[in-house]
Amino acid sequence: MIIIRWLIIALTVFLIGWYMPGFVVESLYTALIVAAIFGVLNAIIRPILMLFTLPVTILTLGLSTFIFSALILWFVASFVQGFSIDGFATAFIAAIIIWLVSFVSNGVLKATK
């Protein structure tokens, strides 16, 4: 199940790079690496950030989680060869798209279980 989700996110990252200006993914291999690193960092760093910024998360009704995901995605772009993001706005939109695809695919995968 984890491998399927990883592949879906990698394909999403690759397609975002195909369609969104300022979001560059040179190959599907790069997208697989980005999805793996993004997933690990999101699983480790995002809960810590949410704990320290709980009042902000509550005030924004959870919308700050997209900001955290965008920052993590932007951070991944700083050290993965063949992957770049031009600015925070691009990272933010990409994070929302990745979340949306992940949300839908998780629902579909749970329904087929």
PDB file of N, CA and C in Angstrom:
ATOM      1  N   MET A   1       0.811  -1.188   0.000  1.00  0.00           N
ATOM      2  CA  MET A   1       0.000   0.000   0.000  1.00  0.00           C
ATOM      3  C   MET A   1       0.864   1.266   0.000  1.00  0.00           C
ATOM      4  N   ILE A   2       1.936   1.235   0.763  1.00  0.00           N
ATOM      5  CA  ILE A   2       2.810   2.408   0.837  1.00  0.00           C
ATOM      6  C   ILE A   2       3.470   2.664  -0.510  1.00  0.00           C
ATOM      7  N   ILE A   3       3.844   1.601  -1.193  1.00  0.00           N
ATOM      8  CA  ILE A   3       4.499   1.758  -2.497  1.00  0.00           C
ATOM      9  C   ILE A   3       3.527   2.367  -3.512  1.00  0.00           C
ATOM     10  N   ILE A   4       2.276   1.965  -3.467  1.00  0.00           N
ATOM     11  CA  ILE A   4       1.278   2.523  -4.384  1.00  0.00           C
ATOM     12  C   ILE A   4       1.095   4.012  -4.117  1.00  0.00           C
ATOM     13  N   ARG A   5       1.006   4.391  -2.851  1.00  0.00           N
ATOM     14  CA  ARG A   5       0.854   5.807  -2.504  1.00  0.00           C
ATOM     15  C   ARG A   5       2.080   6.605  -2.926  1.00  0.00           C
ATOM     16  N   TRP A   6       3.251   6.023  -2.731  1.00  0.00           N
ATOM     17  CA  TRP A   6       4.496   6.678  -3.137  1.00  0.00           C
ATOM     18  C   TRP A   6       4.514   6.903  -4.644  1.00  0.00           C
ATOM     19  N   LEU A   7       4.120   5.891  -5.399  1.00  0.00           N
ATOM     20  CA  LEU A   7       4.078   6.015  -6.855  1.00  0.00           C
ATOM     21  C   LEU A   7       3.064   7.058  -7.309  1.00  0.00           C
ATOM     22  N   ILE A   8       1.923   7.133  -6.647  1.00  0.00           N
ATOM     23  CA  ILE A   8       0.909   8.127  -6.986  1.00  0.00           C
ATOM     24  C   ILE A   8       1.439   9.535  -6.740  1.00  0.00           C
ATOM     25  N   ILE A   9       2.094   9.752  -5.603  1.00  0.00           N
ATOM     26  CA  ILE A   9       2.652  11.073  -5.297  1.00  0.00           C
ATOM     27  C   ILE A   9       3.779  11.402  -6.271  1.00  0.00           C
ATOM     28  N   ALA A  10       4.604  10.422  -6.604  1.00  0.00           N
ATOM     29  CA  ALA A  10       5.683  10.662  -7.571  1.00  0.00           C
ATOM     30  C   ALA A  10       5.110  11.051  -8.930  1.00  0.00           C
ATOM     31  N   LEU A  11       4.075  10.362  -9.365  1.00  0.00           N
ATOM     32  CA  LEU A  11       3.445  10.708 -10.631  1.00  0.00           C
ATOM     33  C   LEU A  11       2.817  12.098 -10.558  1.00  0.00           C
ATOM     34  N   THR A  12       2.230  12.431  -9.428  1.00  0.00           N
ATOM     35  CA  THR A  12       1.660  13.760  -9.237  1.00  0.00           C
ATOM     36  C   THR A  12       2.739  14.827  -9.328  1.00  0.00           C
ATOM     37  N   VAL A  13       3.861  14.615  -8.649  1.00  0.00           N
ATOM     38  CA  VAL A  13       4.978  15.568  -8.704  1.00  0.00           C
ATOM     39  C   VAL A  13       5.468  15.713 -10.146  1.00  0.00           C
ATOM     40  N   PHE A  14       5.583  14.603 -10.854  1.00  0.00           N
ATOM     41  CA  PHE A  14       6.035  14.643 -12.245  1.00  0.00           C
ATOM     42  C   PHE A  14       5.058  15.434 -13.115  1.00  0.00           C
ATOM     43  N   LEU A  15       3.764  15.201 -12.947  1.00  0.00           N
ATOM     44  CA  LEU A  15       2.761  15.907 -13.745  1.00  0.00           C
ATOM     45  C   LEU A  15       2.678  17.385 -13.385  1.00  0.00           C
ATOM     46  N   ILE A  16       2.862  17.721 -12.123  1.00  0.00           N
ATOM     47  CA  ILE A  16       2.902  19.134 -11.739  1.00  0.00           C
ATOM     48  C   ILE A  16       4.074  19.809 -12.446  1.00  0.00           C
ATOM     49  N   GLY A  17       5.210  19.130 -12.491  1.00  0.00           N
ATOM     50  CA  GLY A  17       6.367  19.670 -13.190  1.00  0.00           C
ATOM     51  C   GLY A  17       6.111  19.834 -14.681  1.00  0.00           C
ATOM     52  N   TRP A  18       5.257  19.004 -15.224  1.00  0.00           N
ATOM     53  CA  TRP A  18       4.934  19.071 -16.645  1.00  0.00           C
ATOM     54  C   TRP A  18       4.043  20.284 -16.952  1.00  0.00           C
ATOM     55  N   TYR A  19       3.099  20.587 -16.052  1.00  0.00           N
ATOM     56  CA  TYR A  19       2.092  21.598 -16.336  1.00  0.00           C
ATOM     57  C   TYR A  19       2.313  22.946 -15.643  1.00  0.00           C
ATOM     58  N   MET A  20       2.968  22.987 -14.515  1.00  0.00           N
ATOM     59  CA  MET A  20       3.076  24.226 -13.746  1.00  0.00           C
ATOM     60  C   MET A  20       4.393  24.941 -14.033  1.00  0.00           C
ATOM     61  N   PRO A  21       4.312  26.180 -14.505  1.00  0.00           N
ATOM     62  CA  PRO A  21       5.554  26.935 -14.706  1.00  0.00           C
ATOM     63  C   PRO A  21       6.224  27.230 -13.367  1.00  0.00           C
ATOM     64  N   GLY A  22       7.524  27.137 -13.338  1.00  0.00           N
ATOM     65  CA  GLY A  22       8.263  27.393 -12.106  1.00  0.00           C
ATOM     66  C   GLY A  22       8.477  26.160 -11.246  1.00  0.00           C
ATOM     67  N   PHE A  23       7.908  25.047 -11.637  1.00  0.00           N
ATOM     68  CA  PHE A  23       8.039  23.783 -10.916  1.00  0.00           C
ATOM     69  C   PHE A  23       8.682  22.804 -11.890  1.00  0.00           C
ATOM     70  N   VAL A  24       9.973  22.559 -11.724  1.00  0.00           N
ATOM     71  CA  VAL A  24      10.734  21.786 -12.703  1.00  0.00           C
ATOM     72  C   VAL A  24      11.122  20.428 -12.122  1.00  0.00           C
ATOM     73  N   VAL A  25      10.704  19.371 -12.807  1.00  0.00           N
ATOM     74  CA  VAL A  25      11.092  18.001 -12.477  1.00  0.00           C
ATOM     75  C   VAL A  25      11.657  17.409 -13.758  1.00  0.00           C
ATOM     76  N   GLU A  26      12.946  17.105 -13.756  1.00  0.00           N
ATOM     77  CA  GLU A  26      13.607  16.689 -14.991  1.00  0.00           C
ATOM     78  C   GLU A  26      13.233  15.287 -15.463  1.00  0.00           C
ATOM     79  N   SER A  27      12.910  14.379 -14.541  1.00  0.00           N
ATOM     80  CA  SER A  27      12.602  13.006 -14.965  1.00  0.00           C
ATOM     81  C   SER A  27      11.686  12.337 -13.954  1.00  0.00           C
ATOM     82  N   LEU A  28      11.155  11.210 -14.353  1.00  0.00           N
ATOM     83  CA  LEU A  28      10.312  10.429 -13.444  1.00  0.00           C
ATOM     84  C   LEU A  28      11.142   9.889 -12.286  1.00  0.00           C
ATOM     85  N   TYR A  29      12.390   9.568 -12.559  1.00  0.00           N
ATOM     86  CA  TYR A  29      13.300   9.116 -11.490  1.00  0.00           C
ATOM     87  C   TYR A  29      13.462  10.207 -10.434  1.00  0.00           C
ATOM     88  N   THR A  30      13.617  11.448 -10.877  1.00  0.00           N
ATOM     89  CA  THR A  30      13.721  12.574  -9.940  1.00  0.00           C
ATOM     90  C   THR A  30      12.431  12.703  -9.136  1.00  0.00           C
ATOM     91  N   ALA A  31      11.290  12.530  -9.787  1.00  0.00           N
ATOM     92  CA  ALA A  31      10.004  12.614  -9.093  1.00  0.00           C
ATOM     93  C   ALA A  31       9.872  11.521  -8.035  1.00  0.00           C
ATOM     94  N   LEU A  32      10.393  10.323  -8.316  1.00  0.00           N
ATOM     95  CA  LEU A  32      10.369   9.245  -7.318  1.00  0.00           C
ATOM     96  C   LEU A  32      11.206   9.609  -6.096  1.00  0.00           C
ATOM     97  N   ILE A  33      12.371  10.205  -6.334  1.00  0.00           N
ATOM     98  CA  ILE A  33      13.232  10.630  -5.228  1.00  0.00           C
ATOM     99  C   ILE A  33      12.563  11.738  -4.425  1.00  0.00           C
ATOM    100  N   VAL A  34      11.998  12.717  -5.125  1.00  0.00           N
ATOM    101  CA  VAL A  34      11.320  13.830  -4.450  1.00  0.00           C
ATOM    102  C   VAL A  34      10.162  13.318  -3.608  1.00  0.00           C
ATOM    103  N   ALA A  35       9.361  12.412  -4.157  1.00  0.00           N
ATOM    104  CA  ALA A  35       8.213  11.874  -3.415  1.00  0.00           C
ATOM    105  C   ALA A  35       8.659  11.125  -2.168  1.00  0.00           C
ATOM    106  N   ALA A  36       9.745  10.375  -2.276  1.00  0.00           N
ATOM    107  CA  ALA A  36      10.242   9.620  -1.115  1.00  0.00           C
ATOM    108  C   ALA A  36      10.750  10.562  -0.023  1.00  0.00           C
ATOM    109  N   ILE A  37      11.570  11.528  -0.399  1.00  0.00           N
ATOM    110  CA  ILE A  37      12.128  12.461   0.590  1.00  0.00           C
ATOM    111  C   ILE A  37      11.029  13.329   1.174  1.00  0.00           C
ATOM    112  N   PHE A  38      10.132  13.820   0.318  1.00  0.00           N
ATOM    113  CA  PHE A  38       9.021  14.649   0.788  1.00  0.00           C
ATOM    114  C   PHE A  38       8.137  13.879   1.769  1.00  0.00           C
ATOM    115  N   GLY A  39       7.870  12.620   1.460  1.00  0.00           N
ATOM    116  CA  GLY A  39       7.044  11.806   2.347  1.00  0.00           C
ATOM    117  C   GLY A  39       7.685  11.576   3.702  1.00  0.00           C
ATOM    118  N   VAL A  40       8.977  11.277   3.695  1.00  0.00           N
ATOM    119  CA  VAL A  40       9.683  11.045   4.964  1.00  0.00           C
ATOM    120  C   VAL A  40       9.743  12.333   5.794  1.00  0.00           C
ATOM    121  N   LEU A  41      10.116  13.429   5.152  1.00  0.00           N
ATOM    122  CA  LEU A  41      10.195  14.701   5.878  1.00  0.00           C
ATOM    123  C   LEU A  41       8.826  15.147   6.371  1.00  0.00           C
ATOM    124  N   ASN A  42       7.802  14.937   5.555  1.00  0.00           N
ATOM    125  CA  ASN A  42       6.452  15.299   5.966  1.00  0.00           C
ATOM    126  C   ASN A  42       6.002  14.471   7.165  1.00  0.00           C
ATOM    127  N   ALA A  43       6.413  13.217   7.204  1.00  0.00           N
ATOM    128  CA  ALA A  43       6.033  12.344   8.322  1.00  0.00           C
ATOM    129  C   ALA A  43       6.794  12.685   9.594  1.00  0.00           C
ATOM    130  N   ILE A  44       8.006  13.211   9.470  1.00  0.00           N
ATOM    131  CA  ILE A  44       8.831  13.488  10.641  1.00  0.00           C
ATOM    132  C   ILE A  44       8.726  14.939  11.097  1.00  0.00           C
ATOM    133  N   ILE A  45       8.897  15.872  10.166  1.00  0.00           N
ATOM    134  CA  ILE A  45       9.007  17.280  10.536  1.00  0.00           C
ATOM    135  C   ILE A  45       7.653  17.951  10.737  1.00  0.00           C
ATOM    136  N   ARG A  46       6.674  17.648   9.890  1.00  0.00           N
ATOM    137  CA  ARG A  46       5.386  18.339   9.986  1.00  0.00           C
ATOM    138  C   ARG A  46       4.706  18.163  11.341  1.00  0.00           C
ATOM    139  N   PRO A  47       4.677  16.959  11.943  1.00  0.00           N
ATOM    140  CA  PRO A  47       4.054  16.861  13.274  1.00  0.00           C
ATOM    141  C   PRO A  47       4.774  17.700  14.332  1.00  0.00           C
ATOM    142  N   ILE A  48       6.083  17.804  14.230  1.00  0.00           N
ATOM    143  CA  ILE A  48       6.839  18.629  15.179  1.00  0.00           C
ATOM    144  C   ILE A  48       6.491  20.096  14.994  1.00  0.00           C
ATOM    145  N   LEU A  49       6.446  20.550  13.731  1.00  0.00           N
ATOM    146  CA  LEU A  49       6.070  21.935  13.455  1.00  0.00           C
ATOM    147  C   LEU A  49       4.656  22.232  13.940  1.00  0.00           C
ATOM    148  N   MET A  50       3.754  21.292  13.726  1.00  0.00           N
ATOM    149  CA  MET A  50       2.368  21.504  14.148  1.00  0.00           C
ATOM    150  C   MET A  50       2.244  21.574  15.661  1.00  0.00           C
ATOM    151  N   LEU A  51       3.072  20.807  16.354  1.00  0.00           N
ATOM    152  CA  LEU A  51       3.045  20.848  17.809  1.00  0.00           C
ATOM    153  C   LEU A  51       3.508  22.207  18.325  1.00  0.00           C
ATOM    154  N   PHE A  52       4.590  22.716  17.748  1.00  0.00           N
ATOM    155  CA  PHE A  52       5.131  24.001  18.197  1.00  0.00           C
ATOM    156  C   PHE A  52       4.269  25.190  17.765  1.00  0.00           C
ATOM    157  N   THR A  53       3.515  25.026  16.709  1.00  0.00           N
ATOM    158  CA  THR A  53       2.688  26.127  16.207  1.00  0.00           C
ATOM    159  C   THR A  53       1.206  25.807  16.325  1.00  0.00           C
ATOM    160  N   LEU A  54       0.840  25.066  17.338  1.00  0.00           N
ATOM    161  CA  LEU A  54      -0.548  24.652  17.519  1.00  0.00           C
ATOM    162  C   LEU A  54      -1.524  25.835  17.571  1.00  0.00           C
ATOM    163  N   PRO A  55      -1.213  26.915  18.285  1.00  0.00           N
ATOM    164  CA  PRO A  55      -2.160  28.046  18.272  1.00  0.00           C
ATOM    165  C   PRO A  55      -2.395  28.619  16.869  1.00  0.00           C
ATOM    166  N   VAL A  56      -1.338  28.703  16.076  1.00  0.00           N
ATOM    167  CA  VAL A  56      -1.482  29.212  14.703  1.00  0.00           C
ATOM    168  C   VAL A  56      -2.315  28.245  13.876  1.00  0.00           C
ATOM    169  N   THR A  57      -2.087  26.955  14.058  1.00  0.00           N
ATOM    170  CA  THR A  57      -2.848  25.941  13.329  1.00  0.00           C
ATOM    171  C   THR A  57      -4.329  26.026  13.681  1.00  0.00           C
ATOM    172  N   ILE A  58      -4.626  26.246  14.936  1.00  0.00           N
ATOM    173  CA  ILE A  58      -6.018  26.367  15.372  1.00  0.00           C
ATOM    174  C   ILE A  58      -6.638  27.642  14.810  1.00  0.00           C
ATOM    175  N   LEU A  59      -5.914  28.755  14.878  1.00  0.00           N
ATOM    176  CA  LEU A  59      -6.431  30.031  14.369  1.00  0.00           C
ATOM    177  C   LEU A  59      -6.693  30.000  12.863  1.00  0.00           C
ATOM    178  N   THR A  60      -5.866  29.283  12.128  1.00  0.00           N
ATOM    179  CA  THR A  60      -6.038  29.216  10.673  1.00  0.00           C
ATOM    180  C   THR A  60      -6.896  28.033  10.246  1.00  0.00           C
ATOM    181  N   LEU A  61      -7.474  27.351  11.216  1.00  0.00           N
ATOM    182  CA  LEU A  61      -8.331  26.191  10.971  1.00  0.00           C
ATOM    183  C   LEU A  61      -7.620  25.103  10.171  1.00  0.00           C
ATOM    184  N   GLY A  62      -6.332  24.959  10.437  1.00  0.00           N
ATOM    185  CA  GLY A  62      -5.544  23.908   9.806  1.00  0.00           C
ATOM    186  C   GLY A  62      -4.917  24.288   8.480  1.00  0.00           C
ATOM    187  N   LEU A  63      -5.197  25.483   7.986  1.00  0.00           N
ATOM    188  CA  LEU A  63      -4.631  25.894   6.696  1.00  0.00           C
ATOM    189  C   LEU A  63      -3.118  26.088   6.748  1.00  0.00           C
ATOM    190  N   SER A  64      -2.584  26.258   7.927  1.00  0.00           N
ATOM    191  CA  SER A  64      -1.131  26.409   8.046  1.00  0.00           C
ATOM    192  C   SER A  64      -0.402  25.113   7.696  1.00  0.00           C
ATOM    193  N   THR A  65      -1.104  23.994   7.698  1.00  0.00           N
ATOM    194  CA  THR A  65      -0.458  22.731   7.310  1.00  0.00           C
ATOM    195  C   THR A  65      -0.011  22.775   5.853  1.00  0.00           C
ATOM    196  N   PHE A  66      -0.752  23.505   5.008  1.00  0.00           N
ATOM    197  CA  PHE A  66      -0.329  23.670   3.621  1.00  0.00           C
ATOM    198  C   PHE A  66       0.956  24.493   3.544  1.00  0.00           C
ATOM    199  N   ILE A  67       1.077  25.456   4.427  1.00  0.00           N
ATOM    200  CA  ILE A  67       2.304  26.265   4.470  1.00  0.00           C
ATOM    201  C   ILE A  67       3.483  25.388   4.871  1.00  0.00           C
ATOM    202  N   PHE A  68       3.290  24.528   5.859  1.00  0.00           N
ATOM    203  CA  PHE A  68       4.362  23.625   6.278  1.00  0.00           C
ATOM    204  C   PHE A  68       4.751  22.677   5.147  1.00  0.00           C
ATOM    205  N   SER A  69       3.748  22.129   4.463  1.00  0.00           N
ATOM    206  CA  SER A  69       4.040  21.229   3.347  1.00  0.00           C
ATOM    207  C   SER A  69       4.771  21.961   2.227  1.00  0.00           C
ATOM    208  N   ALA A  70       4.367  23.189   1.957  1.00  0.00           N
ATOM    209  CA  ALA A  70       5.043  23.976   0.916  1.00  0.00           C
ATOM    210  C   ALA A  70       6.485  24.262   1.305  1.00  0.00           C
ATOM    211  N   LEU A  71       6.715  24.582   2.569  1.00  0.00           N
ATOM    212  CA  LEU A  71       8.086  24.832   3.020  1.00  0.00           C
ATOM    213  C   LEU A  71       8.945  23.572   2.929  1.00  0.00           C
ATOM    214  N   ILE A  72       8.375  22.440   3.276  1.00  0.00           N
ATOM    215  CA  ILE A  72       9.113  21.178   3.184  1.00  0.00           C
ATOM    216  C   ILE A  72       9.406  20.855   1.719  1.00  0.00           C
ATOM    217  N   LEU A  73       8.434  21.058   0.850  1.00  0.00           N
ATOM    218  CA  LEU A  73       8.639  20.812  -0.578  1.00  0.00           C
ATOM    219  C   LEU A  73       9.714  21.742  -1.142  1.00  0.00           C
ATOM    220  N   TRP A  74       9.674  22.988  -0.743  1.00  0.00           N
ATOM    221  CA  TRP A  74      10.672  23.965  -1.171  1.00  0.00           C
ATOM    222  C   TRP A  74      12.056  23.579  -0.659  1.00  0.00           C
ATOM    223  N   PHE A  75      12.107  23.070   0.565  1.00  0.00           N
ATOM    224  CA  PHE A  75      13.366  22.603   1.140  1.00  0.00           C
ATOM    225  C   PHE A  75      13.922  21.418   0.354  1.00  0.00           C
ATOM    226  N   VAL A  76      13.056  20.489  -0.020  1.00  0.00           N
ATOM    227  CA  VAL A  76      13.492  19.335  -0.811  1.00  0.00           C
ATOM    228  C   VAL A  76      14.080  19.806  -2.142  1.00  0.00           C
ATOM    229  N   ALA A  77      13.499  20.831  -2.715  1.00  0.00           N
ATOM    230  CA  ALA A  77      14.002  21.361  -3.993  1.00  0.00           C
ATOM    231  C   ALA A  77      15.395  21.968  -3.862  1.00  0.00           C
ATOM    232  N   SER A  78      15.780  22.319  -2.641  1.00  0.00           N
ATOM    233  CA  SER A  78      17.084  22.947  -2.458  1.00  0.00           C
ATOM    234  C   SER A  78      18.243  21.957  -2.554  1.00  0.00           C
ATOM    235  N   PHE A  79      17.987  20.662  -2.432  1.00  0.00           N
ATOM    236  CA  PHE A  79      19.102  19.716  -2.470  1.00  0.00           C
ATOM    237  C   PHE A  79      18.919  18.518  -3.405  1.00  0.00           C
ATOM    238  N   VAL A  80      17.790  18.376  -4.055  1.00  0.00           N
ATOM    239  CA  VAL A  80      17.599  17.286  -5.008  1.00  0.00           C
ATOM    240  C   VAL A  80      17.955  17.792  -6.402  1.00  0.00           C
ATOM    241  N   GLN A  81      18.909  17.127  -7.030  1.00  0.00           N
ATOM    242  CA  GLN A  81      19.329  17.485  -8.392  1.00  0.00           C
ATOM    243  C   GLN A  81      18.184  17.230  -9.374  1.00  0.00           C
ATOM    244  N   GLY A  82      17.948  18.159 -10.276  1.00  0.00           N
ATOM    245  CA  GLY A  82      16.912  17.989 -11.284  1.00  0.00           C
ATOM    246  C   GLY A  82      15.531  18.389 -10.821  1.00  0.00           C
ATOM    247  N   PHE A  83      15.429  19.017  -9.657  1.00  0.00           N
ATOM    248  CA  PHE A  83      14.150  19.453  -9.112  1.00  0.00           C
ATOM    249  C   PHE A  83      14.309  20.863  -8.590  1.00  0.00           C
ATOM    250  N   SER A  84      13.485  21.778  -9.088  1.00  0.00           N
ATOM    251  CA  SER A  84      13.562  23.161  -8.603  1.00  0.00           C
ATOM    252  C   SER A  84      12.181  23.788  -8.573  1.00  0.00           C
ATOM    253  N   ILE A  85      12.037  24.713  -7.654  1.00  0.00           N
ATOM    254  CA  ILE A  85      10.796  25.474  -7.496  1.00  0.00           C
ATOM    255  C   ILE A  85      11.192  26.943  -7.466  1.00  0.00           C
ATOM    256  N   ASP A  86      10.522  27.763  -8.296  1.00  0.00           N
ATOM    257  CA  ASP A  86      10.900  29.165  -8.429  1.00  0.00           C
ATOM    258  C   ASP A  86      10.565  30.026  -7.214  1.00  0.00           C
ATOM    259  N   GLY A  87       9.485  29.745  -6.528  1.00  0.00           N
ATOM    260  CA  GLY A  87       9.115  30.581  -5.396  1.00  0.00           C
ATOM    261  C   GLY A  87       8.157  29.881  -4.456  1.00  0.00           C
ATOM    262  N   PHE A  88       7.857  30.560  -3.359  1.00  0.00           N
ATOM    263  CA  PHE A  88       6.989  29.967  -2.352  1.00  0.00           C
ATOM    264  C   PHE A  88       5.574  29.754  -2.879  1.00  0.00           C
ATOM    265  N   ALA A  89       5.076  30.696  -3.681  1.00  0.00           N
ATOM    266  CA  ALA A  89       3.715  30.566  -4.208  1.00  0.00           C
ATOM    267  C   ALA A  89       3.577  29.295  -5.044  1.00  0.00           C
ATOM    268  N   THR A  90       4.585  29.002  -5.847  1.00  0.00           N
ATOM    269  CA  THR A  90       4.571  27.777  -6.649  1.00  0.00           C
ATOM    270  C   THR A  90       4.596  26.549  -5.751  1.00  0.00           C
ATOM    271  N   ALA A  91       5.423  26.587  -4.716  1.00  0.00           N
ATOM    272  CA  ALA A  91       5.494  25.469  -3.763  1.00  0.00           C
ATOM    273  C   ALA A  91       4.158  25.299  -3.038  1.00  0.00           C
ATOM    274  N   PHE A  92       3.505  26.406  -2.699  1.00  0.00           N
ATOM    275  CA  PHE A  92       2.231  26.361  -1.991  1.00  0.00           C
ATOM    276  C   PHE A  92       1.144  25.722  -2.857  1.00  0.00           C
ATOM    277  N   ILE A  93       1.055  26.145  -4.107  1.00  0.00           N
ATOM    278  CA  ILE A  93       0.056  25.576  -5.018  1.00  0.00           C
ATOM    279  C   ILE A  93       0.339  24.092  -5.251  1.00  0.00           C
ATOM    280  N   ALA A  94       1.607  23.746  -5.423  1.00  0.00           N
ATOM    281  CA  ALA A  94       1.976  22.338  -5.616  1.00  0.00           C
ATOM    282  C   ALA A  94       1.628  21.510  -4.382  1.00  0.00           C
ATOM    283  N   ALA A  95       1.856  22.056  -3.193  1.00  0.00           N
ATOM    284  CA  ALA A  95       1.522  21.339  -1.956  1.00  0.00           C
ATOM    285  C   ALA A  95       0.024  21.080  -1.858  1.00  0.00           C
ATOM    286  N   ILE A  96      -0.782  22.042  -2.275  1.00  0.00           N
ATOM    287  CA  ILE A  96      -2.236  21.855  -2.265  1.00  0.00           C
ATOM    288  C   ILE A  96      -2.641  20.766  -3.261  1.00  0.00           C
ATOM    289  N   ILE A  97      -2.043  20.778  -4.450  1.00  0.00           N
ATOM    290  CA  ILE A  97      -2.359  19.766  -5.453  1.00  0.00           C
ATOM    291  C   ILE A  97      -1.945  18.369  -4.962  1.00  0.00           C
ATOM    292  N   ILE A  98      -0.758  18.280  -4.373  1.00  0.00           N
ATOM    293  CA  ILE A  98      -0.289  16.992  -3.845  1.00  0.00           C
ATOM    294  C   ILE A  98      -1.212  16.506  -2.746  1.00  0.00           C
ATOM    295  N   TRP A  99      -1.643  17.407  -1.859  1.00  0.00           N
ATOM    296  CA  TRP A  99      -2.563  17.025  -0.789  1.00  0.00           C
ATOM    297  C   TRP A  99      -3.882  16.524  -1.370  1.00  0.00           C
ATOM    298  N   LEU A 100      -4.397  17.238  -2.369  1.00  0.00           N
ATOM    299  CA  LEU A 100      -5.680  16.858  -2.958  1.00  0.00           C
ATOM    300  C   LEU A 100      -5.604  15.478  -3.609  1.00  0.00           C
ATOM    301  N   VAL A 101      -4.565  15.227  -4.377  1.00  0.00           N
ATOM    302  CA  VAL A 101      -4.394  13.923  -5.020  1.00  0.00           C
ATOM    303  C   VAL A 101      -4.202  12.834  -3.963  1.00  0.00           C
ATOM    304  N   SER A 102      -3.435  13.133  -2.938  1.00  0.00           N
ATOM    305  CA  SER A 102      -3.206  12.179  -1.863  1.00  0.00           C
ATOM    306  C   SER A 102      -4.502  11.865  -1.119  1.00  0.00           C
ATOM    307  N   PHE A 103      -5.294  12.880  -0.860  1.00  0.00           N
ATOM    308  CA  PHE A 103      -6.570  12.711  -0.169  1.00  0.00           C
ATOM    309  C   PHE A 103      -7.505  11.809  -0.967  1.00  0.00           C
ATOM    310  N   VAL A 104      -7.624  12.086  -2.261  1.00  0.00           N
ATOM    311  CA  VAL A 104      -8.508  11.286  -3.115  1.00  0.00           C
ATOM    312  C   VAL A 104      -7.982   9.855  -3.259  1.00  0.00           C
ATOM    313  N   SER A 105      -6.690   9.718  -3.503  1.00  0.00           N
ATOM    314  CA  SER A 105      -6.141   8.375  -3.687  1.00  0.00           C
ATOM    315  C   SER A 105      -6.210   7.551  -2.402  1.00  0.00           C
ATOM    316  N   ASN A 106      -6.008   8.177  -1.261  1.00  0.00           N
ATOM    317  CA  ASN A 106      -6.146   7.443   0.003  1.00  0.00           C
ATOM    318  C   ASN A 106      -7.577   6.951   0.189  1.00  0.00           C
ATOM    319  N   GLY A 107      -8.543   7.779  -0.176  1.00  0.00           N
ATOM    320  CA  GLY A 107      -9.946   7.358  -0.088  1.00  0.00           C
ATOM    321  C   GLY A 107     -10.264   6.198  -1.018  1.00  0.00           C
ATOM    322  N   VAL A 108      -9.727   6.267  -2.229  1.00  0.00           N
ATOM    323  CA  VAL A 108      -9.963   5.186  -3.201  1.00  0.00           C
ATOM    324  C   VAL A 108      -9.269   3.903  -2.743  1.00  0.00           C
ATOM    325  N   LEU A 109      -8.034   4.020  -2.251  1.00  0.00           N
ATOM    326  CA  LEU A 109      -7.302   2.839  -1.810  1.00  0.00           C
ATOM    327  C   LEU A 109      -7.964   2.195  -0.588  1.00  0.00           C
ATOM    328  N   LYS A 110      -8.510   3.001   0.311  1.00  0.00           N
ATOM    329  CA  LYS A 110      -9.198   2.438   1.470  1.00  0.00           C
ATOM    330  C   LYS A 110     -10.501   1.765   1.059  1.00  0.00           C
ATOM    331  N   ALA A 111     -11.173   2.321   0.053  1.00  0.00           N
ATOM    332  CA  ALA A 111     -12.433   1.739  -0.405  1.00  0.00           C
ATOM    333  C   ALA A 111     -12.221   0.404  -1.101  1.00  0.00           C
ATOM    334  N   THR A 112     -11.078   0.234  -1.755  1.00  0.00           N
ATOM    335  CA  THR A 112     -10.806  -1.022  -2.464  1.00  0.00           C
ATOM    336  C   THR A 112     -10.164  -2.066  -1.569  1.00  0.00           C
ATOM    337  N   LYS A 113      -9.896  -1.736  -0.357  1.00  0.00           N
ATOM    338  CA  LYS A 113      -9.225  -2.656   0.574  1.00  0.00           C
ATOM    339  C   LYS A 113     -10.098  -3.796   0.970  1.00  0.00           C
TER     340      LYS A 113
END
